[in-house]
Amino acid sequence: MSQTESTALADVSALRADLDLVDAEIRALVGRRRELSREIQRIRQASGGTRTDLTREMRVISPYTEAYGRQGTAIAMALLEICRGTGAPPR
Protein backbone atom coordinates (compact mmCIF):
# COMPACT_ATOMS: atom_id res chain seq x y z
CA MET A 1 0.00 0.00 0.00
CA SER A 2 1.35 3.40 -0.95
CA GLN A 3 1.71 6.31 1.44
CA THR A 4 -1.10 8.12 -0.39
CA GLU A 5 -3.46 5.13 -0.02
CA SER A 6 -2.52 4.79 3.64
CA THR A 7 -3.18 8.48 4.28
CA ALA A 8 -6.51 8.28 2.42
CA LEU A 9 -7.61 5.30 4.52
CA ALA A 10 -6.67 7.13 7.72
CA ASP A 11 -8.61 10.19 6.55
CA VAL A 12 -11.68 8.09 5.75
CA SER A 13 -11.43 6.33 9.11
CA ALA A 14 -11.27 9.65 10.97
CA LEU A 15 -14.21 11.04 9.01
CA ARG A 16 -16.24 7.91 9.72
CA ALA A 17 -15.53 8.35 13.43
CA ASP A 18 -16.86 11.91 13.11
CA LEU A 19 -19.97 10.56 11.36
CA ASP A 20 -20.48 8.10 14.21
CA LEU A 21 -20.44 11.02 16.66
CA VAL A 22 -22.94 12.99 14.56
CA ASP A 23 -25.22 9.92 14.39
CA ALA A 24 -25.06 9.60 18.18
CA GLU A 25 -25.98 13.28 18.53
CA ILE A 26 -28.92 12.81 16.14
CA ARG A 27 -30.18 9.84 18.16
CA ALA A 28 -29.92 11.87 21.36
CA LEU A 29 -31.83 14.77 19.78
CA VAL A 30 -34.54 12.43 18.49
CA GLY A 31 -34.84 10.99 21.99
CA ARG A 32 -35.21 14.49 23.43
CA ARG A 33 -37.77 15.39 20.77
CA ARG A 34 -39.72 12.24 21.57
CA GLU A 35 -39.80 13.17 25.28
CA LEU A 36 -41.06 16.68 24.51
CA SER A 37 -43.62 15.41 22.02
CA ARG A 38 -45.01 12.85 24.44
CA GLU A 39 -45.30 15.49 27.16
CA ILE A 40 -47.21 17.75 24.77
CA GLN A 41 -49.48 14.83 23.86
CA ARG A 42 -50.11 14.12 27.54
CA ILE A 43 -51.02 17.74 28.27
CA ARG A 44 -53.26 18.03 25.20
CA GLN A 45 -55.14 14.84 26.05
CA ALA A 46 -55.47 15.76 29.73
CA SER A 47 -57.15 19.00 28.68
CA GLY A 48 -59.56 17.17 26.39
CA GLY A 49 -57.68 17.69 23.14
CA THR A 50 -56.47 15.23 20.58
CA ARG A 51 -53.12 13.52 20.78
CA THR A 52 -51.99 14.91 17.43
CA ASP A 53 -52.30 18.29 15.74
CA LEU A 54 -52.22 17.84 11.97
CA THR A 55 -51.71 21.56 11.31
CA ARG A 56 -48.65 21.52 13.54
CA GLU A 57 -47.38 18.35 11.87
CA MET A 58 -47.56 20.03 8.46
CA ARG A 59 -45.50 22.93 9.86
CA VAL A 60 -42.93 20.38 11.03
CA ILE A 61 -42.81 18.58 7.67
CA SER A 62 -42.52 21.67 5.48
CA PRO A 63 -38.95 22.77 6.40
CA TYR A 64 -37.66 19.22 5.94
CA THR A 65 -39.27 19.07 2.50
CA GLU A 66 -37.85 22.48 1.58
CA ALA A 67 -34.37 21.46 2.71
CA TYR A 68 -34.20 17.91 1.33
CA GLY A 69 -37.08 17.42 -1.10
CA ARG A 70 -38.98 14.14 -1.11
CA GLN A 71 -36.42 12.50 1.18
CA GLY A 72 -36.93 15.35 3.66
CA THR A 73 -40.63 14.59 3.75
CA ALA A 74 -39.81 10.96 4.52
CA ILE A 75 -37.42 12.02 7.30
CA ALA A 76 -40.04 14.29 8.86
CA MET A 77 -42.75 11.65 8.62
CA ALA A 78 -40.50 9.06 10.27
CA LEU A 79 -39.55 11.54 12.98
CA LEU A 80 -43.20 12.34 13.68
CA GLU A 81 -44.08 8.65 13.83
CA ILE A 82 -41.25 7.97 16.27
CA CYS A 83 -42.29 10.90 18.45
CA ARG A 84 -46.01 10.08 18.39
CA GLY A 85 -45.28 6.76 20.01
CA THR A 86 -47.37 4.90 17.46
CA GLY A 87 -44.62 2.63 16.21
CA ALA A 88 -42.85 -0.26 17.87
CA PRO A 89 -41.42 0.55 21.30
CA PRO A 90 -37.70 1.36 21.42
CA ARG A 91 -35.36 -1.51 22.09
PDB file of N, CA and C in Angstrom:
ATOM      1  N   MET A   1       0.852  -1.174   0.000  1.00  0.00           N
ATOM      2  CA  MET A   1       0.000   0.000   0.000  1.00  0.00           C
ATOM      3  C   MET A   1       0.898   1.237   0.000  1.00  0.00           C
ATOM      4  N   SER A   2       0.547   2.186  -0.847  1.00  0.00           N
ATOM      5  CA  SER A   2       1.347   3.401  -0.950  1.00  0.00           C
ATOM      6  C   SER A   2       1.042   4.335   0.217  1.00  0.00           C
ATOM      7  N   GLN A   3       1.906   5.304   0.396  1.00  0.00           N
ATOM      8  CA  GLN A   3       1.709   6.313   1.440  1.00  0.00           C
ATOM      9  C   GLN A   3       0.413   7.076   1.202  1.00  0.00           C
ATOM     10  N   THR A   4       0.127   7.385  -0.052  1.00  0.00           N
ATOM     11  CA  THR A   4      -1.099   8.120  -0.393  1.00  0.00           C
ATOM     12  C   THR A   4      -2.329   7.305  -0.024  1.00  0.00           C
ATOM     13  N   GLU A   5      -2.324   6.004  -0.355  1.00  0.00           N
ATOM     14  CA  GLU A   5      -3.456   5.133  -0.017  1.00  0.00           C
ATOM     15  C   GLU A   5      -3.604   5.016   1.497  1.00  0.00           C
ATOM     16  N   SER A   6      -2.506   4.894   2.187  1.00  0.00           N
ATOM     17  CA  SER A   6      -2.523   4.786   3.642  1.00  0.00           C
ATOM     18  C   SER A   6      -3.098   6.057   4.274  1.00  0.00           C
ATOM     19  N   THR A   7      -2.673   7.199   3.767  1.00  0.00           N
ATOM     20  CA  THR A   7      -3.180   8.481   4.277  1.00  0.00           C
ATOM     21  C   THR A   7      -4.675   8.613   3.989  1.00  0.00           C
ATOM     22  N   ALA A   8      -5.093   8.201   2.794  1.00  0.00           N
ATOM     23  CA  ALA A   8      -6.509   8.279   2.422  1.00  0.00           C
ATOM     24  C   ALA A   8      -7.347   7.395   3.336  1.00  0.00           C
ATOM     25  N   LEU A   9      -6.876   6.201   3.632  1.00  0.00           N
ATOM     26  CA  LEU A   9      -7.606   5.298   4.521  1.00  0.00           C
ATOM     27  C   LEU A   9      -7.712   5.878   5.931  1.00  0.00           C
ATOM     28  N   ALA A  10      -6.642   6.504   6.397  1.00  0.00           N
ATOM     29  CA  ALA A  10      -6.665   7.129   7.722  1.00  0.00           C
ATOM     30  C   ALA A  10      -7.651   8.294   7.735  1.00  0.00           C
ATOM     31  N   ASP A  11      -7.670   9.075   6.645  1.00  0.00           N
ATOM     32  CA  ASP A  11      -8.608  10.193   6.552  1.00  0.00           C
ATOM     33  C   ASP A  11     -10.055   9.697   6.573  1.00  0.00           C
ATOM     34  N   VAL A  12     -10.327   8.658   5.809  1.00  0.00           N
ATOM     35  CA  VAL A  12     -11.677   8.091   5.753  1.00  0.00           C
ATOM     36  C   VAL A  12     -12.068   7.556   7.121  1.00  0.00           C
ATOM     37  N   SER A  13     -11.151   6.882   7.784  1.00  0.00           N
ATOM     38  CA  SER A  13     -11.428   6.329   9.106  1.00  0.00           C
ATOM     39  C   SER A  13     -11.771   7.442  10.104  1.00  0.00           C
ATOM     40  N   ALA A  14     -11.019   8.520  10.071  1.00  0.00           N
ATOM     41  CA  ALA A  14     -11.269   9.651  10.973  1.00  0.00           C
ATOM     42  C   ALA A  14     -12.616  10.299  10.666  1.00  0.00           C
ATOM     43  N   LEU A  15     -12.930  10.452   9.395  1.00  0.00           N
ATOM     44  CA  LEU A  15     -14.209  11.042   9.014  1.00  0.00           C
ATOM     45  C   LEU A  15     -15.369  10.138   9.415  1.00  0.00           C
ATOM     46  N   ARG A  16     -15.195   8.842   9.286  1.00  0.00           N
ATOM     47  CA  ARG A  16     -16.243   7.910   9.718  1.00  0.00           C
ATOM     48  C   ARG A  16     -16.462   7.991  11.227  1.00  0.00           C
ATOM     49  N   ALA A  17     -15.396   8.182  11.978  1.00  0.00           N
ATOM     50  CA  ALA A  17     -15.530   8.354  13.426  1.00  0.00           C
ATOM     51  C   ALA A  17     -16.333   9.620  13.725  1.00  0.00           C
ATOM     52  N   ASP A  18     -16.079  10.676  12.952  1.00  0.00           N
ATOM     53  CA  ASP A  18     -16.861  11.906  13.111  1.00  0.00           C
ATOM     54  C   ASP A  18     -18.332  11.659  12.783  1.00  0.00           C
ATOM     55  N   LEU A  19     -18.589  10.901  11.711  1.00  0.00           N
ATOM     56  CA  LEU A  19     -19.968  10.562  11.361  1.00  0.00           C
ATOM     57  C   LEU A  19     -20.648   9.779  12.481  1.00  0.00           C
ATOM     58  N   ASP A  20     -19.919   8.871  13.094  1.00  0.00           N
ATOM     59  CA  ASP A  20     -20.478   8.102  14.214  1.00  0.00           C
ATOM     60  C   ASP A  20     -20.899   9.029  15.356  1.00  0.00           C
ATOM     61  N   LEU A  21     -20.092  10.052  15.615  1.00  0.00           N
ATOM     62  CA  LEU A  21     -20.440  11.025  16.656  1.00  0.00           C
ATOM     63  C   LEU A  21     -21.679  11.823  16.279  1.00  0.00           C
ATOM     64  N   VAL A  22     -21.762  12.241  15.023  1.00  0.00           N
ATOM     65  CA  VAL A  22     -22.937  12.986  14.559  1.00  0.00           C
ATOM     66  C   VAL A  22     -24.186  12.106  14.678  1.00  0.00           C
ATOM     67  N   ASP A  23     -24.072  10.835  14.274  1.00  0.00           N
ATOM     68  CA  ASP A  23     -25.216   9.921  14.391  1.00  0.00           C
ATOM     69  C   ASP A  23     -25.658   9.764  15.841  1.00  0.00           C
ATOM     70  N   ALA A  24     -24.720   9.698  16.759  1.00  0.00           N
ATOM     71  CA  ALA A  24     -25.058   9.597  18.180  1.00  0.00           C
ATOM     72  C   ALA A  24     -25.777  10.864  18.645  1.00  0.00           C
ATOM     73  N   GLU A  25     -25.322  12.015  18.176  1.00  0.00           N
ATOM     74  CA  GLU A  25     -25.977  13.278  18.526  1.00  0.00           C
ATOM     75  C   GLU A  25     -27.398  13.317  17.969  1.00  0.00           C
ATOM     76  N   ILE A  26     -27.583  12.847  16.739  1.00  0.00           N
ATOM     77  CA  ILE A  26     -28.919  12.812  16.139  1.00  0.00           C
ATOM     78  C   ILE A  26     -29.840  11.919  16.958  1.00  0.00           C
ATOM     79  N   ARG A  27     -29.359  10.749  17.347  1.00  0.00           N
ATOM     80  CA  ARG A  27     -30.183   9.841  18.157  1.00  0.00           C
ATOM     81  C   ARG A  27     -30.563  10.482  19.484  1.00  0.00           C
ATOM     82  N   ALA A  28     -29.628  11.192  20.092  1.00  0.00           N
ATOM     83  CA  ALA A  28     -29.920  11.872  21.360  1.00  0.00           C
ATOM     84  C   ALA A  28     -30.964  12.969  21.153  1.00  0.00           C
ATOM     85  N   LEU A  29     -30.856  13.713  20.063  1.00  0.00           N
ATOM     86  CA  LEU A  29     -31.827  14.768  19.781  1.00  0.00           C
ATOM     87  C   LEU A  29     -33.210  14.185  19.480  1.00  0.00           C
ATOM     88  N   VAL A  30     -33.253  13.077  18.753  1.00  0.00           N
ATOM     89  CA  VAL A  30     -34.540  12.430  18.487  1.00  0.00           C
ATOM     90  C   VAL A  30     -35.160  11.953  19.802  1.00  0.00           C
ATOM     91  N   GLY A  31     -34.344  11.410  20.679  1.00  0.00           N
ATOM     92  CA  GLY A  31     -34.844  10.990  21.991  1.00  0.00           C
ATOM     93  C   GLY A  31     -35.406  12.163  22.770  1.00  0.00           C
ATOM     94  N   ARG A  32     -34.732  13.286  22.741  1.00  0.00           N
ATOM     95  CA  ARG A  32     -35.212  14.494  23.430  1.00  0.00           C
ATOM     96  C   ARG A  32     -36.502  14.998  22.797  1.00  0.00           C
ATOM     97  N   ARG A  33     -36.558  14.968  21.468  1.00  0.00           N
ATOM     98  CA  ARG A  33     -37.765  15.394  20.769  1.00  0.00           C
ATOM     99  C   ARG A  33     -38.933  14.481  21.122  1.00  0.00           C
ATOM    100  N   ARG A  34     -38.668  13.205  21.217  1.00  0.00           N
ATOM    101  CA  ARG A  34     -39.724  12.243  21.571  1.00  0.00           C
ATOM    102  C   ARG A  34     -40.258  12.540  22.969  1.00  0.00           C
ATOM    103  N   GLU A  35     -39.373  12.829  23.916  1.00  0.00           N
ATOM    104  CA  GLU A  35     -39.801  13.168  25.280  1.00  0.00           C
ATOM    105  C   GLU A  35     -40.704  14.399  25.280  1.00  0.00           C
ATOM    106  N   LEU A  36     -40.274  15.445  24.565  1.00  0.00           N
ATOM    107  CA  LEU A  36     -41.065  16.678  24.505  1.00  0.00           C
ATOM    108  C   LEU A  36     -42.414  16.440  23.834  1.00  0.00           C
ATOM    109  N   SER A  37     -42.397  15.691  22.749  1.00  0.00           N
ATOM    110  CA  SER A  37     -43.623  15.407  22.024  1.00  0.00           C
ATOM    111  C   SER A  37     -44.610  14.627  22.886  1.00  0.00           C
ATOM    112  N   ARG A  38     -44.129  13.649  23.593  1.00  0.00           N
ATOM    113  CA  ARG A  38     -45.014  12.852  24.436  1.00  0.00           C
ATOM    114  C   ARG A  38     -45.578  13.673  25.597  1.00  0.00           C
ATOM    115  N   GLU A  39     -44.800  14.615  26.106  1.00  0.00           N
ATOM    116  CA  GLU A  39     -45.305  15.493  27.161  1.00  0.00           C
ATOM    117  C   GLU A  39     -46.400  16.415  26.604  1.00  0.00           C
ATOM    118  N   ILE A  40     -46.188  16.927  25.408  1.00  0.00           N
ATOM    119  CA  ILE A  40     -47.211  17.752  24.768  1.00  0.00           C
ATOM    120  C   ILE A  40     -48.478  16.931  24.548  1.00  0.00           C
ATOM    121  N   GLN A  41     -48.323  15.703  24.070  1.00  0.00           N
ATOM    122  CA  GLN A  41     -49.477  14.828  23.859  1.00  0.00           C
ATOM    123  C   GLN A  41     -50.238  14.597  25.168  1.00  0.00           C
ATOM    124  N   ARG A  42     -49.494  14.357  26.235  1.00  0.00           N
ATOM    125  CA  ARG A  42     -50.111  14.116  27.542  1.00  0.00           C
ATOM    126  C   ARG A  42     -50.925  15.330  27.985  1.00  0.00           C
ATOM    127  N   ILE A  43     -50.336  16.513  27.855  1.00  0.00           N
ATOM    128  CA  ILE A  43     -51.016  17.740  28.268  1.00  0.00           C
ATOM    129  C   ILE A  43     -52.251  17.983  27.407  1.00  0.00           C
ATOM    130  N   ARG A  44     -52.117  17.810  26.103  1.00  0.00           N
ATOM    131  CA  ARG A  44     -53.261  18.030  25.201  1.00  0.00           C
ATOM    132  C   ARG A  44     -54.407  17.082  25.538  1.00  0.00           C
ATOM    133  N   GLN A  45     -54.096  15.809  25.744  1.00  0.00           N
ATOM    134  CA  GLN A  45     -55.139  14.835  26.051  1.00  0.00           C
ATOM    135  C   GLN A  45     -55.762  15.088  27.417  1.00  0.00           C
ATOM    136  N   ALA A  46     -54.952  15.486  28.385  1.00  0.00           N
ATOM    137  CA  ALA A  46     -55.466  15.764  29.730  1.00  0.00           C
ATOM    138  C   ALA A  46     -56.435  16.941  29.724  1.00  0.00           C
ATOM    139  N   SER A  47     -56.257  17.845  28.758  1.00  0.00           N
ATOM    140  CA  SER A  47     -57.148  19.003  28.679  1.00  0.00           C
ATOM    141  C   SER A  47     -58.294  18.774  27.687  1.00  0.00           C
ATOM    142  N   GLY A  48     -58.454  17.519  27.270  1.00  0.00           N
ATOM    143  CA  GLY A  48     -59.563  17.173  26.391  1.00  0.00           C
ATOM    144  C   GLY A  48     -59.273  17.284  24.904  1.00  0.00           C
ATOM    145  N   GLY A  49     -58.046  17.575  24.564  1.00  0.00           N
ATOM    146  CA  GLY A  49     -57.678  17.694  23.144  1.00  0.00           C
ATOM    147  C   GLY A  49     -57.286  16.363  22.540  1.00  0.00           C
ATOM    148  N   THR A  50     -56.926  16.420  21.281  1.00  0.00           N
ATOM    149  CA  THR A  50     -56.466  15.225  20.585  1.00  0.00           C
ATOM    150  C   THR A  50     -54.979  15.027  20.828  1.00  0.00           C
ATOM    151  N   ARG A  51     -54.536  13.824  20.576  1.00  0.00           N
ATOM    152  CA  ARG A  51     -53.124  13.517  20.784  1.00  0.00           C
ATOM    153  C   ARG A  51     -52.253  14.192  19.728  1.00  0.00           C
ATOM    154  N   THR A  52     -52.772  14.315  18.507  1.00  0.00           N
ATOM    155  CA  THR A  52     -51.990  14.911  17.426  1.00  0.00           C
ATOM    156  C   THR A  52     -52.660  16.180  16.913  1.00  0.00           C
ATOM    157  N   ASP A  53     -51.851  17.041  16.334  1.00  0.00           N
ATOM    158  CA  ASP A  53     -52.305  18.295  15.744  1.00  0.00           C
ATOM    159  C   ASP A  53     -51.779  18.303  14.306  1.00  0.00           C
ATOM    160  N   LEU A  54     -52.656  17.989  13.354  1.00  0.00           N
ATOM    161  CA  LEU A  54     -52.219  17.837  11.970  1.00  0.00           C
ATOM    162  C   LEU A  54     -51.687  19.138  11.371  1.00  0.00           C
ATOM    163  N   THR A  55     -52.231  20.272  11.785  1.00  0.00           N
ATOM    164  CA  THR A  55     -51.712  21.557  11.307  1.00  0.00           C
ATOM    165  C   THR A  55     -50.270  21.734  11.759  1.00  0.00           C
ATOM    166  N   ARG A  56     -50.014  21.420  13.007  1.00  0.00           N
ATOM    167  CA  ARG A  56     -48.649  21.516  13.542  1.00  0.00           C
ATOM    168  C   ARG A  56     -47.723  20.541  12.810  1.00  0.00           C
ATOM    169  N   GLU A  57     -48.205  19.330  12.557  1.00  0.00           N
ATOM    170  CA  GLU A  57     -47.378  18.347  11.865  1.00  0.00           C
ATOM    171  C   GLU A  57     -46.986  18.831  10.469  1.00  0.00           C
ATOM    172  N   MET A  58     -47.893  19.497   9.776  1.00  0.00           N
ATOM    173  CA  MET A  58     -47.560  20.034   8.457  1.00  0.00           C
ATOM    174  C   MET A  58     -46.496  21.127   8.569  1.00  0.00           C
ATOM    175  N   ARG A  59     -46.544  21.912   9.648  1.00  0.00           N
ATOM    176  CA  ARG A  59     -45.504  22.932   9.865  1.00  0.00           C
ATOM    177  C   ARG A  59     -44.157  22.286  10.181  1.00  0.00           C
ATOM    178  N   VAL A  60     -44.172  21.100  10.758  1.00  0.00           N
ATOM    179  CA  VAL A  60     -42.928  20.378  11.029  1.00  0.00           C
ATOM    180  C   VAL A  60     -42.370  19.798   9.726  1.00  0.00           C
ATOM    181  N   ILE A  61     -43.241  19.247   8.902  1.00  0.00           N
ATOM    182  CA  ILE A  61     -42.813  18.576   7.667  1.00  0.00           C
ATOM    183  C   ILE A  61     -42.237  19.560   6.648  1.00  0.00           C
ATOM    184  N   SER A  62     -42.864  20.714   6.520  1.00  0.00           N
ATOM    185  CA  SER A  62     -42.518  21.674   5.478  1.00  0.00           C
ATOM    186  C   SER A  62     -41.026  22.044   5.412  1.00  0.00           C
ATOM    187  N   PRO A  63     -40.370  22.410   6.508  1.00  0.00           N
ATOM    188  CA  PRO A  63     -38.947  22.770   6.401  1.00  0.00           C
ATOM    189  C   PRO A  63     -38.059  21.593   5.974  1.00  0.00           C
ATOM    190  N   TYR A  64     -38.418  20.392   6.365  1.00  0.00           N
ATOM    191  CA  TYR A  64     -37.658  19.219   5.935  1.00  0.00           C
ATOM    192  C   TYR A  64     -37.804  19.021   4.426  1.00  0.00           C
ATOM    193  N   THR A  65     -39.030  19.207   3.937  1.00  0.00           N
ATOM    194  CA  THR A  65     -39.271  19.073   2.502  1.00  0.00           C
ATOM    195  C   THR A  65     -38.524  20.147   1.731  1.00  0.00           C
ATOM    196  N   GLU A  66     -38.566  21.384   2.236  1.00  0.00           N
ATOM    197  CA  GLU A  66     -37.854  22.478   1.576  1.00  0.00           C
ATOM    198  C   GLU A  66     -36.344  22.237   1.547  1.00  0.00           C
ATOM    199  N   ALA A  67     -35.819  21.672   2.619  1.00  0.00           N
ATOM    200  CA  ALA A  67     -34.370  21.456   2.711  1.00  0.00           C
ATOM    201  C   ALA A  67     -33.890  20.255   1.912  1.00  0.00           C
ATOM    202  N   TYR A  68     -34.693  19.169   1.895  1.00  0.00           N
ATOM    203  CA  TYR A  68     -34.199  17.913   1.328  1.00  0.00           C
ATOM    204  C   TYR A  68     -35.110  17.275   0.295  1.00  0.00           C
ATOM    205  N   GLY A  69     -36.182  17.973  -0.092  1.00  0.00           N
ATOM    206  CA  GLY A  69     -37.081  17.417  -1.098  1.00  0.00           C
ATOM    207  C   GLY A  69     -37.873  16.233  -0.560  1.00  0.00           C
ATOM    208  N   ARG A  70     -38.163  15.301  -1.460  1.00  0.00           N
ATOM    209  CA  ARG A  70     -38.978  14.137  -1.110  1.00  0.00           C
ATOM    210  C   ARG A  70     -38.381  13.345   0.047  1.00  0.00           C
ATOM    211  N   GLN A  71     -37.068  13.215   0.079  1.00  0.00           N
ATOM    212  CA  GLN A  71     -36.424  12.499   1.179  1.00  0.00           C
ATOM    213  C   GLN A  71     -36.615  13.231   2.503  1.00  0.00           C
ATOM    214  N   GLY A  72     -36.669  14.566   2.457  1.00  0.00           N
ATOM    215  CA  GLY A  72     -36.926  15.348   3.663  1.00  0.00           C
ATOM    216  C   GLY A  72     -38.312  15.085   4.219  1.00  0.00           C
ATOM    217  N   THR A  73     -39.276  14.931   3.309  1.00  0.00           N
ATOM    218  CA  THR A  73     -40.631  14.591   3.751  1.00  0.00           C
ATOM    219  C   THR A  73     -40.615  13.248   4.466  1.00  0.00           C
ATOM    220  N   ALA A  74     -39.897  12.291   3.898  1.00  0.00           N
ATOM    221  CA  ALA A  74     -39.807  10.960   4.521  1.00  0.00           C
ATOM    222  C   ALA A  74     -39.141  11.034   5.891  1.00  0.00           C
ATOM    223  N   ILE A  75     -38.089  11.845   6.006  1.00  0.00           N
ATOM    224  CA  ILE A  75     -37.415  12.015   7.297  1.00  0.00           C
ATOM    225  C   ILE A  75     -38.392  12.586   8.326  1.00  0.00           C
ATOM    226  N   ALA A  76     -39.100  13.646   7.941  1.00  0.00           N
ATOM    227  CA  ALA A  76     -40.039  14.292   8.865  1.00  0.00           C
ATOM    228  C   ALA A  76     -41.154  13.345   9.266  1.00  0.00           C
ATOM    229  N   MET A  77     -41.678  12.599   8.309  1.00  0.00           N
ATOM    230  CA  MET A  77     -42.754  11.654   8.617  1.00  0.00           C
ATOM    231  C   MET A  77     -42.265  10.576   9.587  1.00  0.00           C
ATOM    232  N   ALA A  78     -41.059  10.070   9.364  1.00  0.00           N
ATOM    233  CA  ALA A  78     -40.496   9.058  10.271  1.00  0.00           C
ATOM    234  C   ALA A  78     -40.285   9.652  11.657  1.00  0.00           C
ATOM    235  N   LEU A  79     -39.779  10.864  11.708  1.00  0.00           N
ATOM    236  CA  LEU A  79     -39.551  11.537  12.982  1.00  0.00           C
ATOM    237  C   LEU A  79     -40.864  11.724  13.735  1.00  0.00           C
ATOM    238  N   LEU A  80     -41.895  12.161  13.039  1.00  0.00           N
ATOM    239  CA  LEU A  80     -43.196  12.343  13.678  1.00  0.00           C
ATOM    240  C   LEU A  80     -43.745  11.013  14.188  1.00  0.00           C
ATOM    241  N   GLU A  81     -43.591   9.966  13.402  1.00  0.00           N
ATOM    242  CA  GLU A  81     -44.080   8.654  13.834  1.00  0.00           C
ATOM    243  C   GLU A  81     -43.338   8.176  15.081  1.00  0.00           C
ATOM    244  N   ILE A  82     -42.045   8.349  15.101  1.00  0.00           N
ATOM    245  CA  ILE A  82     -41.251   7.970  16.274  1.00  0.00           C
ATOM    246  C   ILE A  82     -41.726   8.755  17.501  1.00  0.00           C
ATOM    247  N   CYS A  83     -41.954  10.031  17.321  1.00  0.00           N
ATOM    248  CA  CYS A  83     -42.289  10.902  18.446  1.00  0.00           C
ATOM    249  C   CYS A  83     -43.742  10.786  18.888  1.00  0.00           C
ATOM    250  N   ARG A  84     -44.610  10.311  18.010  1.00  0.00           N
ATOM    251  CA  ARG A  84     -46.006  10.085  18.392  1.00  0.00           C
ATOM    252  C   ARG A  84     -46.139   8.882  19.292  1.00  0.00           C
ATOM    253  N   GLY A  85     -45.188   7.972  19.211  1.00  0.00           N
ATOM    254  CA  GLY A  85     -45.275   6.764  20.006  1.00  0.00           C
ATOM    255  C   GLY A  85     -46.211   5.743  19.410  1.00  0.00           C
ATOM    256  N   THR A  86     -46.450   5.829  18.092  1.00  0.00           N
ATOM    257  CA  THR A  86     -47.375   4.896  17.458  1.00  0.00           C
ATOM    258  C   THR A  86     -46.674   3.690  16.860  1.00  0.00           C
ATOM    259  N   GLY A  87     -45.363   3.738  16.786  1.00  0.00           N
ATOM    260  CA  GLY A  87     -44.619   2.627  16.212  1.00  0.00           C
ATOM    261  C   GLY A  87     -44.232   1.624  17.275  1.00  0.00           C
ATOM    262  N   ALA A  88     -43.332   0.748  16.913  1.00  0.00           N
ATOM    263  CA  ALA A  88     -42.847  -0.255  17.871  1.00  0.00           C
ATOM    264  C   ALA A  88     -42.084   0.444  18.983  1.00  0.00           C
ATOM    265  N   PRO A  89     -42.160  -0.070  20.196  1.00  0.00           N
ATOM    266  CA  PRO A  89     -41.424   0.552  21.304  1.00  0.00           C
ATOM    267  C   PRO A  89     -39.913   0.450  21.077  1.00  0.00           C
ATOM    268  N   PRO A  90     -39.151   1.413  21.595  1.00  0.00           N
ATOM    269  CA  PRO A  90     -37.699   1.365  21.423  1.00  0.00           C
ATOM    270  C   PRO A  90     -37.115   0.154  22.115  1.00  0.00           C
ATOM    271  N   ARG A  91     -36.026  -0.332  21.529  1.00  0.00           N
ATOM    272  CA  ARG A  91     -35.356  -1.512  22.093  1.00  0.00           C
ATOM    273  C   ARG A  91     -34.322  -1.137  23.119  1.00  0.00           C
TER     274      ARG A  91
END
